[in-house]
Amino acid sequence: MTHPTTVTRIMSLAAPADDAGIARMAQGQGVLSVEVVKNRNALRLTYDLKFTELEALAHLAEASGLKLSTGLFACLGRAWGEFQDGNLRNQIKIVHQCCSVPPRR
């Protein structure tokens, strides 16, 4: 079984997103799509874990001129997403064996 490497997360913003910032986000490495949601106060990001992760996208958003929300739930949501990204990346690296194959030495 292979693990999916495409992830979709919502990133809350403190101020409405501008078109230039969204365009810069969409050109980031590993970013597959950027959609504006919630009256331009959040972004739905779809990205490939082989090339990037949520923490790097948060830095890219700030460098693109988008102001991330600093609220408690927004920060917890980003931290949880970063934790999940790390777990998924680790699971992708594991070489799974079939039940009938003896363990490697």
PDB file of N, CA and C in Angstrom:
ATOM      1  N   MET A   1       0.841  -1.179   0.000  1.00  0.00           N
ATOM      2  CA  MET A   1       0.000   0.000   0.000  1.00  0.00           C
ATOM      3  C   MET A   1       0.883   1.237   0.000  1.00  0.00           C
ATOM      4  N   THR A   2       0.553   2.170  -0.828  1.00  0.00           N
ATOM      5  CA  THR A   2       1.306   3.415  -0.843  1.00  0.00           C
ATOM      6  C   THR A   2       0.509   4.492  -0.133  1.00  0.00           C
ATOM      7  N   HIS A   3       1.223   5.393   0.465  1.00  0.00           N
ATOM      8  CA  HIS A   3       0.579   6.488   1.176  1.00  0.00           C
ATOM      9  C   HIS A   3       0.424   7.675   0.239  1.00  0.00           C
ATOM     10  N   PRO A   4      -0.696   8.389   0.355  1.00  0.00           N
ATOM     11  CA  PRO A   4      -0.861   9.570  -0.488  1.00  0.00           C
ATOM     12  C   PRO A   4       0.117  10.664  -0.061  1.00  0.00           C
ATOM     13  N   THR A   5       0.614  11.390  -1.013  1.00  0.00           N
ATOM     14  CA  THR A   5       1.532  12.475  -0.686  1.00  0.00           C
ATOM     15  C   THR A   5       0.887  13.835  -0.892  1.00  0.00           C
ATOM     16  N   THR A   6      -0.343  13.864  -1.373  1.00  0.00           N
ATOM     17  CA  THR A   6      -1.056  15.120  -1.572  1.00  0.00           C
ATOM     18  C   THR A   6      -1.883  15.424  -0.331  1.00  0.00           C
ATOM     19  N   VAL A   7      -1.720  16.637   0.197  1.00  0.00           N
ATOM     20  CA  VAL A   7      -2.399  17.045   1.426  1.00  0.00           C
ATOM     21  C   VAL A   7      -3.124  18.358   1.165  1.00  0.00           C
ATOM     22  N   THR A   8      -4.312  18.513   1.756  1.00  0.00           N
ATOM     23  CA  THR A   8      -5.058  19.768   1.679  1.00  0.00           C
ATOM     24  C   THR A   8      -5.292  20.275   3.091  1.00  0.00           C
ATOM     25  N   ARG A   9      -4.926  21.525   3.331  1.00  0.00           N
ATOM     26  CA  ARG A   9      -5.105  22.147   4.645  1.00  0.00           C
ATOM     27  C   ARG A   9      -5.634  23.568   4.454  1.00  0.00           C
ATOM     28  N   ILE A  10      -6.298  24.088   5.492  1.00  0.00           N
ATOM     29  CA  ILE A  10      -6.779  25.466   5.478  1.00  0.00           C
ATOM     30  C   ILE A  10      -5.882  26.290   6.384  1.00  0.00           C
ATOM     31  N   MET A  11      -5.415  27.426   5.862  1.00  0.00           N
ATOM     32  CA  MET A  11      -4.551  28.327   6.610  1.00  0.00           C
ATOM     33  C   MET A  11      -5.322  29.629   6.844  1.00  0.00           C
ATOM     34  N   SER A  12      -5.557  29.983   8.121  1.00  0.00           N
ATOM     35  CA  SER A  12      -6.291  31.197   8.464  1.00  0.00           C
ATOM     36  C   SER A  12      -5.404  32.424   8.327  1.00  0.00           C
ATOM     37  N   LEU A  13      -6.011  33.498   7.842  1.00  0.00           N
ATOM     38  CA  LEU A  13      -5.292  34.755   7.655  1.00  0.00           C
ATOM     39  C   LEU A  13      -5.859  35.825   8.579  1.00  0.00           C
ATOM     40  N   ALA A  14      -5.017  36.777   8.990  1.00  0.00           N
ATOM     41  CA  ALA A  14      -5.453  37.873   9.853  1.00  0.00           C
ATOM     42  C   ALA A  14      -6.130  38.965   9.039  1.00  0.00           C
ATOM     43  N   ALA A  15      -5.772  39.082   7.772  1.00  0.00           N
ATOM     44  CA  ALA A  15      -6.344  40.097   6.889  1.00  0.00           C
ATOM     45  C   ALA A  15      -6.709  39.425   5.569  1.00  0.00           C
ATOM     46  N   PRO A  16      -7.666  39.991   4.853  1.00  0.00           N
ATOM     47  CA  PRO A  16      -8.037  39.395   3.569  1.00  0.00           C
ATOM     48  C   PRO A  16      -6.838  39.275   2.628  1.00  0.00           C
ATOM     49  N   ALA A  17      -6.813  38.183   1.893  1.00  0.00           N
ATOM     50  CA  ALA A  17      -5.703  37.905   0.978  1.00  0.00           C
ATOM     51  C   ALA A  17      -5.812  38.775  -0.267  1.00  0.00           C
ATOM     52  N   ASP A  18      -4.665  39.258  -0.731  1.00  0.00           N
ATOM     53  CA  ASP A  18      -4.643  40.004  -1.987  1.00  0.00           C
ATOM     54  C   ASP A  18      -4.234  39.065  -3.122  1.00  0.00           C
ATOM     55  N   ASP A  19      -4.599  39.448  -4.332  1.00  0.00           N
ATOM     56  CA  ASP A  19      -4.352  38.582  -5.489  1.00  0.00           C
ATOM     57  C   ASP A  19      -2.868  38.343  -5.741  1.00  0.00           C
ATOM     58  N   ALA A  20      -2.029  39.349  -5.492  1.00  0.00           N
ATOM     59  CA  ALA A  20      -0.588  39.193  -5.729  1.00  0.00           C
ATOM     60  C   ALA A  20       0.006  38.159  -4.774  1.00  0.00           C
ATOM     61  N   GLY A  21      -0.399  38.198  -3.510  1.00  0.00           N
ATOM     62  CA  GLY A  21       0.090  37.225  -2.531  1.00  0.00           C
ATOM     63  C   GLY A  21      -0.355  35.811  -2.858  1.00  0.00           C
ATOM     64  N   ILE A  22      -1.592  35.688  -3.327  1.00  0.00           N
ATOM     65  CA  ILE A  22      -2.115  34.372  -3.704  1.00  0.00           C
ATOM     66  C   ILE A  22      -1.338  33.829  -4.903  1.00  0.00           C
ATOM     67  N   ALA A  23      -1.038  34.693  -5.861  1.00  0.00           N
ATOM     68  CA  ALA A  23      -0.280  34.263  -7.041  1.00  0.00           C
ATOM     69  C   ALA A  23       1.126  33.808  -6.650  1.00  0.00           C
ATOM     70  N   ARG A  24       1.759  34.517  -5.707  1.00  0.00           N
ATOM     71  CA  ARG A  24       3.095  34.104  -5.259  1.00  0.00           C
ATOM     72  C   ARG A  24       3.031  32.774  -4.511  1.00  0.00           C
ATOM     73  N   MET A  25       1.979  32.567  -3.722  1.00  0.00           N
ATOM     74  CA  MET A  25       1.812  31.292  -3.009  1.00  0.00           C
ATOM     75  C   MET A  25       1.645  30.140  -4.001  1.00  0.00           C
ATOM     76  N   ALA A  26       0.885  30.372  -5.050  1.00  0.00           N
ATOM     77  CA  ALA A  26       0.601  29.310  -6.022  1.00  0.00           C
ATOM     78  C   ALA A  26       1.850  28.870  -6.774  1.00  0.00           C
ATOM     79  N   GLN A  27       2.882  29.712  -6.805  1.00  0.00           N
ATOM     80  CA  GLN A  27       4.100  29.369  -7.528  1.00  0.00           C
ATOM     81  C   GLN A  27       5.144  28.709  -6.640  1.00  0.00           C
ATOM     82  N   GLY A  28       4.820  28.460  -5.372  1.00  0.00           N
ATOM     83  CA  GLY A  28       5.760  27.810  -4.466  1.00  0.00           C
ATOM     84  C   GLY A  28       6.015  26.366  -4.865  1.00  0.00           C
ATOM     85  N   GLN A  29       7.188  25.877  -4.526  1.00  0.00           N
ATOM     86  CA  GLN A  29       7.550  24.500  -4.873  1.00  0.00           C
ATOM     87  C   GLN A  29       6.641  23.520  -4.137  1.00  0.00           C
ATOM     88  N   GLY A  30       6.044  22.605  -4.854  1.00  0.00           N
ATOM     89  CA  GLY A  30       5.181  21.591  -4.273  1.00  0.00           C
ATOM     90  C   GLY A  30       3.738  22.018  -4.095  1.00  0.00           C
ATOM     91  N   VAL A  31       3.408  23.288  -4.330  1.00  0.00           N
ATOM     92  CA  VAL A  31       2.037  23.775  -4.177  1.00  0.00           C
ATOM     93  C   VAL A  31       1.248  23.381  -5.417  1.00  0.00           C
ATOM     94  N   LEU A  32       0.159  22.646  -5.209  1.00  0.00           N
ATOM     95  CA  LEU A  32      -0.665  22.190  -6.325  1.00  0.00           C
ATOM     96  C   LEU A  32      -1.825  23.135  -6.596  1.00  0.00           C
ATOM     97  N   SER A  33      -2.425  23.689  -5.525  1.00  0.00           N
ATOM     98  CA  SER A  33      -3.500  24.661  -5.719  1.00  0.00           C
ATOM     99  C   SER A  33      -3.653  25.530  -4.478  1.00  0.00           C
ATOM    100  N   VAL A  34      -4.128  26.753  -4.718  1.00  0.00           N
ATOM    101  CA  VAL A  34      -4.425  27.708  -3.650  1.00  0.00           C
ATOM    102  C   VAL A  34      -5.814  28.250  -3.930  1.00  0.00           C
ATOM    103  N   GLU A  35      -6.740  28.072  -2.981  1.00  0.00           N
ATOM    104  CA  GLU A  35      -8.100  28.579  -3.129  1.00  0.00           C
ATOM    105  C   GLU A  35      -8.399  29.513  -1.972  1.00  0.00           C
ATOM    106  N   VAL A  36      -9.135  30.578  -2.259  1.00  0.00           N
ATOM    107  CA  VAL A  36      -9.526  31.535  -1.229  1.00  0.00           C
ATOM    108  C   VAL A  36     -10.873  31.096  -0.661  1.00  0.00           C
ATOM    109  N   VAL A  37     -10.974  31.088   0.666  1.00  0.00           N
ATOM    110  CA  VAL A  37     -12.226  30.723   1.334  1.00  0.00           C
ATOM    111  C   VAL A  37     -12.512  31.729   2.445  1.00  0.00           C
ATOM    112  N   LYS A  38     -13.725  31.688   2.961  1.00  0.00           N
ATOM    113  CA  LYS A  38     -14.156  32.507   4.102  1.00  0.00           C
ATOM    114  C   LYS A  38     -13.911  34.003   3.872  1.00  0.00           C
ATOM    115  N   ASN A  39     -14.502  34.549   2.830  1.00  0.00           N
ATOM    116  CA  ASN A  39     -14.389  35.985   2.541  1.00  0.00           C
ATOM    117  C   ASN A  39     -12.946  36.451   2.443  1.00  0.00           C
ATOM    118  N   ARG A  40     -12.106  35.636   1.827  1.00  0.00           N
ATOM    119  CA  ARG A  40     -10.693  35.947   1.597  1.00  0.00           C
ATOM    120  C   ARG A  40      -9.873  35.972   2.882  1.00  0.00           C
ATOM    121  N   ASN A  41     -10.396  35.413   3.986  1.00  0.00           N
ATOM    122  CA  ASN A  41      -9.656  35.380   5.251  1.00  0.00           C
ATOM    123  C   ASN A  41      -9.029  34.021   5.532  1.00  0.00           C
ATOM    124  N   ALA A  42      -9.016  33.139   4.552  1.00  0.00           N
ATOM    125  CA  ALA A  42      -8.371  31.830   4.711  1.00  0.00           C
ATOM    126  C   ALA A  42      -8.006  31.301   3.329  1.00  0.00           C
ATOM    127  N   LEU A  43      -7.010  30.433   3.321  1.00  0.00           N
ATOM    128  CA  LEU A  43      -6.578  29.792   2.087  1.00  0.00           C
ATOM    129  C   LEU A  43      -6.693  28.287   2.239  1.00  0.00           C
ATOM    130  N   ARG A  44      -7.203  27.630   1.198  1.00  0.00           N
ATOM    131  CA  ARG A  44      -7.200  26.171   1.148  1.00  0.00           C
ATOM    132  C   ARG A  44      -6.020  25.778   0.268  1.00  0.00           C
ATOM    133  N   LEU A  45      -4.999  25.199   0.893  1.00  0.00           N
ATOM    134  CA  LEU A  45      -3.768  24.843   0.195  1.00  0.00           C
ATOM    135  C   LEU A  45      -3.735  23.346  -0.067  1.00  0.00           C
ATOM    136  N   THR A  46      -3.436  22.980  -1.280  1.00  0.00           N
ATOM    137  CA  THR A  46      -3.191  21.585  -1.628  1.00  0.00           C
ATOM    138  C   THR A  46      -1.745  21.504  -2.081  1.00  0.00           C
ATOM    139  N   TYR A  47      -0.990  20.604  -1.441  1.00  0.00           N
ATOM    140  CA  TYR A  47       0.441  20.529  -1.730  1.00  0.00           C
ATOM    141  C   TYR A  47       0.929  19.098  -1.646  1.00  0.00           C
ATOM    142  N   ASP A  48       2.119  18.874  -2.196  1.00  0.00           N
ATOM    143  CA  ASP A  48       2.728  17.552  -2.242  1.00  0.00           C
ATOM    144  C   ASP A  48       3.786  17.462  -1.150  1.00  0.00           C
ATOM    145  N   LEU A  49       3.627  16.491  -0.254  1.00  0.00           N
ATOM    146  CA  LEU A  49       4.561  16.333   0.869  1.00  0.00           C
ATOM    147  C   LEU A  49       5.963  15.926   0.434  1.00  0.00           C
ATOM    148  N   LYS A  50       6.103  15.442  -0.784  1.00  0.00           N
ATOM    149  CA  LYS A  50       7.443  15.090  -1.258  1.00  0.00           C
ATOM    150  C   LYS A  50       8.307  16.335  -1.449  1.00  0.00           C
ATOM    151  N   PHE A  51       7.666  17.488  -1.649  1.00  0.00           N
ATOM    152  CA  PHE A  51       8.402  18.704  -1.974  1.00  0.00           C
ATOM    153  C   PHE A  51       8.315  19.793  -0.916  1.00  0.00           C
ATOM    154  N   THR A  52       7.268  19.833  -0.125  1.00  0.00           N
ATOM    155  CA  THR A  52       7.112  20.906   0.854  1.00  0.00           C
ATOM    156  C   THR A  52       6.250  20.430   2.013  1.00  0.00           C
ATOM    157  N   GLU A  53       6.149  21.260   3.040  1.00  0.00           N
ATOM    158  CA  GLU A  53       5.304  20.961   4.199  1.00  0.00           C
ATOM    159  C   GLU A  53       4.667  22.258   4.671  1.00  0.00           C
ATOM    160  N   LEU A  54       3.745  22.154   5.621  1.00  0.00           N
ATOM    161  CA  LEU A  54       2.961  23.304   6.056  1.00  0.00           C
ATOM    162  C   LEU A  54       3.825  24.410   6.650  1.00  0.00           C
ATOM    163  N   GLU A  55       4.839  24.053   7.408  1.00  0.00           N
ATOM    164  CA  GLU A  55       5.701  25.076   8.016  1.00  0.00           C
ATOM    165  C   GLU A  55       6.379  25.927   6.940  1.00  0.00           C
ATOM    166  N   ALA A  56       6.872  25.295   5.894  1.00  0.00           N
ATOM    167  CA  ALA A  56       7.504  26.038   4.797  1.00  0.00           C
ATOM    168  C   ALA A  56       6.479  26.910   4.076  1.00  0.00           C
ATOM    169  N   LEU A  57       5.241  26.424   3.960  1.00  0.00           N
ATOM    170  CA  LEU A  57       4.205  27.215   3.301  1.00  0.00           C
ATOM    171  C   LEU A  57       3.791  28.408   4.152  1.00  0.00           C
ATOM    172  N   ALA A  58       3.844  28.275   5.476  1.00  0.00           N
ATOM    173  CA  ALA A  58       3.555  29.411   6.353  1.00  0.00           C
ATOM    174  C   ALA A  58       4.610  30.500   6.161  1.00  0.00           C
ATOM    175  N   HIS A  59       5.870  30.105   6.054  1.00  0.00           N
ATOM    176  CA  HIS A  59       6.937  31.080   5.796  1.00  0.00           C
ATOM    177  C   HIS A  59       6.767  31.712   4.413  1.00  0.00           C
ATOM    178  N   LEU A  60       6.378  30.908   3.436  1.00  0.00           N
ATOM    179  CA  LEU A  60       6.145  31.426   2.088  1.00  0.00           C
ATOM    180  C   LEU A  60       4.991  32.427   2.087  1.00  0.00           C
ATOM    181  N   ALA A  61       3.942  32.139   2.850  1.00  0.00           N
ATOM    182  CA  ALA A  61       2.798  33.050   2.922  1.00  0.00           C
ATOM    183  C   ALA A  61       3.221  34.402   3.489  1.00  0.00           C
ATOM    184  N   GLU A  62       4.006  34.388   4.557  1.00  0.00           N
ATOM    185  CA  GLU A  62       4.463  35.647   5.145  1.00  0.00           C
ATOM    186  C   GLU A  62       5.391  36.388   4.190  1.00  0.00           C
ATOM    187  N   ALA A  63       6.254  35.654   3.479  1.00  0.00           N
ATOM    188  CA  ALA A  63       7.144  36.287   2.505  1.00  0.00           C
ATOM    189  C   ALA A  63       6.355  36.838   1.314  1.00  0.00           C
ATOM    190  N   SER A  64       5.185  36.279   1.056  1.00  0.00           N
ATOM    191  CA  SER A  64       4.341  36.734  -0.052  1.00  0.00           C
ATOM    192  C   SER A  64       3.471  37.919   0.334  1.00  0.00           C
ATOM    193  N   GLY A  65       3.582  38.364   1.571  1.00  0.00           N
ATOM    194  CA  GLY A  65       2.808  39.520   2.016  1.00  0.00           C
ATOM    195  C   GLY A  65       1.473  39.171   2.647  1.00  0.00           C
ATOM    196  N   LEU A  66       1.202  37.901   2.863  1.00  0.00           N
ATOM    197  CA  LEU A  66      -0.037  37.485   3.521  1.00  0.00           C
ATOM    198  C   LEU A  66       0.209  37.414   5.022  1.00  0.00           C
ATOM    199  N   LYS A  67      -0.708  37.993   5.802  1.00  0.00           N
ATOM    200  CA  LYS A  67      -0.544  38.011   7.254  1.00  0.00           C
ATOM    201  C   LYS A  67      -1.322  36.848   7.856  1.00  0.00           C
ATOM    202  N   LEU A  68      -0.603  35.915   8.484  1.00  0.00           N
ATOM    203  CA  LEU A  68      -1.248  34.753   9.093  1.00  0.00           C
ATOM    204  C   LEU A  68      -1.947  35.145  10.387  1.00  0.00           C
ATOM    205  N   SER A  69      -3.044  34.475  10.672  1.00  0.00           N
ATOM    206  CA  SER A  69      -3.774  34.709  11.910  1.00  0.00           C
ATOM    207  C   SER A  69      -2.931  34.268  13.100  1.00  0.00           C
ATOM    208  N   THR A  70      -2.965  35.063  14.166  1.00  0.00           N
ATOM    209  CA  THR A  70      -2.212  34.732  15.378  1.00  0.00           C
ATOM    210  C   THR A  70      -3.139  34.272  16.500  1.00  0.00           C
ATOM    211  N   GLY A  71      -4.395  33.996  16.179  1.00  0.00           N
ATOM    212  CA  GLY A  71      -5.336  33.512  17.174  1.00  0.00           C
ATOM    213  C   GLY A  71      -4.958  32.124  17.681  1.00  0.00           C
ATOM    214  N   LEU A  72      -5.456  31.795  18.852  1.00  0.00           N
ATOM    215  CA  LEU A  72      -5.122  30.527  19.494  1.00  0.00           C
ATOM    216  C   LEU A  72      -5.457  29.334  18.604  1.00  0.00           C
ATOM    217  N   PHE A  73      -6.686  29.293  18.082  1.00  0.00           N
ATOM    218  CA  PHE A  73      -7.101  28.136  17.299  1.00  0.00           C
ATOM    219  C   PHE A  73      -6.371  28.067  15.959  1.00  0.00           C
ATOM    220  N   ALA A  74      -6.045  29.209  15.383  1.00  0.00           N
ATOM    221  CA  ALA A  74      -5.281  29.210  14.129  1.00  0.00           C
ATOM    222  C   ALA A  74      -3.878  28.666  14.363  1.00  0.00           C
ATOM    223  N   CYS A  75      -3.249  29.085  15.456  1.00  0.00           N
ATOM    224  CA  CYS A  75      -1.894  28.596  15.769  1.00  0.00           C
ATOM    225  C   CYS A  75      -1.910  27.108  16.100  1.00  0.00           C
ATOM    226  N   LEU A  76      -2.917  26.677  16.864  1.00  0.00           N
ATOM    227  CA  LEU A  76      -3.031  25.250  17.183  1.00  0.00           C
ATOM    228  C   LEU A  76      -3.289  24.429  15.920  1.00  0.00           C
ATOM    229  N   GLY A  77      -4.115  24.947  15.035  1.00  0.00           N
ATOM    230  CA  GLY A  77      -4.401  24.241  13.787  1.00  0.00           C
ATOM    231  C   GLY A  77      -3.163  24.089  12.918  1.00  0.00           C
ATOM    232  N   ARG A  78      -2.351  25.153  12.832  1.00  0.00           N
ATOM    233  CA  ARG A  78      -1.113  25.058  12.053  1.00  0.00           C
ATOM    234  C   ARG A  78      -0.138  24.088  12.701  1.00  0.00           C
ATOM    235  N   ALA A  79      -0.031  24.136  14.035  1.00  0.00           N
ATOM    236  CA  ALA A  79       0.876  23.208  14.733  1.00  0.00           C
ATOM    237  C   ALA A  79       0.423  21.761  14.525  1.00  0.00           C
ATOM    238  N   TRP A  80      -0.878  21.518  14.586  1.00  0.00           N
ATOM    239  CA  TRP A  80      -1.397  20.169  14.370  1.00  0.00           C
ATOM    240  C   TRP A  80      -1.129  19.714  12.934  1.00  0.00           C
ATOM    241  N   GLY A  81      -1.313  20.614  11.974  1.00  0.00           N
ATOM    242  CA  GLY A  81      -1.026  20.284  10.581  1.00  0.00           C
ATOM    243  C   GLY A  81       0.445  19.974  10.362  1.00  0.00           C
ATOM    244  N   GLU A  82       1.336  20.739  11.016  1.00  0.00           N
ATOM    245  CA  GLU A  82       2.774  20.478  10.909  1.00  0.00           C
ATOM    246  C   GLU A  82       3.119  19.115  11.508  1.00  0.00           C
ATOM    247  N   PHE A  83       2.476  18.772  12.626  1.00  0.00           N
ATOM    248  CA  PHE A  83       2.690  17.471  13.257  1.00  0.00           C
ATOM    249  C   PHE A  83       2.236  16.345  12.323  1.00  0.00           C
ATOM    250  N   GLN A  84       1.064  16.505  11.723  1.00  0.00           N
ATOM    251  CA  GLN A  84       0.551  15.493  10.799  1.00  0.00           C
ATOM    252  C   GLN A  84       1.444  15.358   9.569  1.00  0.00           C
ATOM    253  N   ASP A  85       1.942  16.478   9.065  1.00  0.00           N
ATOM    254  CA  ASP A  85       2.855  16.420   7.918  1.00  0.00           C
ATOM    255  C   ASP A  85       4.095  15.608   8.254  1.00  0.00           C
ATOM    256  N   GLY A  86       4.653  15.830   9.443  1.00  0.00           N
ATOM    257  CA  GLY A  86       5.834  15.074   9.860  1.00  0.00           C
ATOM    258  C   GLY A  86       5.549  13.586   9.939  1.00  0.00           C
ATOM    259  N   ASN A  87       4.389  13.238  10.507  1.00  0.00           N
ATOM    260  CA  ASN A  87       4.021  11.823  10.603  1.00  0.00           C
ATOM    261  C   ASN A  87       3.831  11.200   9.223  1.00  0.00           C
ATOM    262  N   LEU A  88       3.148  11.900   8.340  1.00  0.00           N
ATOM    263  CA  LEU A  88       2.929  11.365   6.993  1.00  0.00           C
ATOM    264  C   LEU A  88       4.239  11.201   6.240  1.00  0.00           C
ATOM    265  N   ARG A  89       5.134  12.171   6.378  1.00  0.00           N
ATOM    266  CA  ARG A  89       6.433  12.057   5.698  1.00  0.00           C
ATOM    267  C   ARG A  89       7.214  10.859   6.230  1.00  0.00           C
ATOM    268  N   ASN A  90       7.146  10.619   7.532  1.00  0.00           N
ATOM    269  CA  ASN A  90       7.829   9.456   8.107  1.00  0.00           C
ATOM    270  C   ASN A  90       7.202   8.153   7.625  1.00  0.00           C
ATOM    271  N   GLN A  91       5.874   8.107   7.514  1.00  0.00           N
ATOM    272  CA  GLN A  91       5.200   6.902   7.037  1.00  0.00           C
ATOM    273  C   GLN A  91       5.537   6.613   5.577  1.00  0.00           C
ATOM    274  N   ILE A  92       5.708   7.655   4.786  1.00  0.00           N
ATOM    275  CA  ILE A  92       6.044   7.474   3.375  1.00  0.00           C
ATOM    276  C   ILE A  92       7.410   6.813   3.238  1.00  0.00           C
ATOM    277  N   LYS A  93       8.331   7.123   4.140  1.00  0.00           N
ATOM    278  CA  LYS A  93       9.698   6.605   4.065  1.00  0.00           C
ATOM    279  C   LYS A  93       9.803   5.131   4.448  1.00  0.00           C
ATOM    280  N   ILE A  94       8.828   4.605   5.188  1.00  0.00           N
ATOM    281  CA  ILE A  94       8.885   3.222   5.656  1.00  0.00           C
ATOM    282  C   ILE A  94       8.667   2.269   4.483  1.00  0.00           C
ATOM    283  N   VAL A  95       9.510   1.254   4.390  1.00  0.00           N
ATOM    284  CA  VAL A  95       9.338   0.210   3.381  1.00  0.00           C
ATOM    285  C   VAL A  95       8.553  -0.915   4.045  1.00  0.00           C
ATOM    286  N   HIS A  96       7.284  -1.038   3.664  1.00  0.00           N
ATOM    287  CA  HIS A  96       6.419  -2.046   4.272  1.00  0.00           C
ATOM    288  C   HIS A  96       6.673  -3.413   3.646  1.00  0.00           C
ATOM    289  N   GLN A  97       6.540  -4.430   4.472  1.00  0.00           N
ATOM    290  CA  GLN A  97       6.734  -5.794   3.993  1.00  0.00           C
ATOM    291  C   GLN A  97       5.409  -6.540   4.021  1.00  0.00           C
ATOM    292  N   CYS A  98       5.315  -7.525   3.189  1.00  0.00           N
ATOM    293  CA  CYS A  98       4.140  -8.384   3.158  1.00  0.00           C
ATOM    294  C   CYS A  98       4.189  -9.332   4.360  1.00  0.00           C
ATOM    295  N   CYS A  99       3.057  -9.847   4.767  1.00  0.00           N
ATOM    296  CA  CYS A  99       2.999 -10.727   5.939  1.00  0.00           C
ATOM    297  C   CYS A  99       3.779 -12.028   5.745  1.00  0.00           C
ATOM    298  N   SER A 100       3.897 -12.503   4.518  1.00  0.00           N
ATOM    299  CA  SER A 100       4.554 -13.788   4.291  1.00  0.00           C
ATOM    300  C   SER A 100       6.063 -13.651   4.072  1.00  0.00           C
ATOM    301  N   VAL A 101       6.580 -12.462   4.202  1.00  0.00           N
ATOM    302  CA  VAL A 101       8.011 -12.235   3.994  1.00  0.00           C
ATOM    303  C   VAL A 101       8.698 -12.193   5.357  1.00  0.00           C
ATOM    304  N   PRO A 102       9.755 -12.973   5.548  1.00  0.00           N
ATOM    305  CA  PRO A 102      10.447 -12.927   6.843  1.00  0.00           C
ATOM    306  C   PRO A 102      11.105 -11.565   7.058  1.00  0.00           C
ATOM    307  N   PRO A 103      11.300 -11.181   8.314  1.00  0.00           N
ATOM    308  CA  PRO A 103      11.906  -9.873   8.588  1.00  0.00           C
ATOM    309  C   PRO A 103      13.321  -9.774   8.026  1.00  0.00           C
ATOM    310  N   ARG A 104      13.697  -8.570   7.670  1.00  0.00           N
ATOM    311  CA  ARG A 104      15.049  -8.334   7.165  1.00  0.00           C
ATOM    312  C   ARG A 104      16.033  -8.351   8.313  1.00  0.00           C
ATOM    313  N   ARG A 105      17.263  -8.726   7.991  1.00  0.00           N
ATOM    314  CA  ARG A 105      18.299  -8.733   9.033  1.00  0.00           C
ATOM    315  C   ARG A 105      19.331  -7.716   8.742  1.00  0.00           C
TER     316      ARG A 105
END
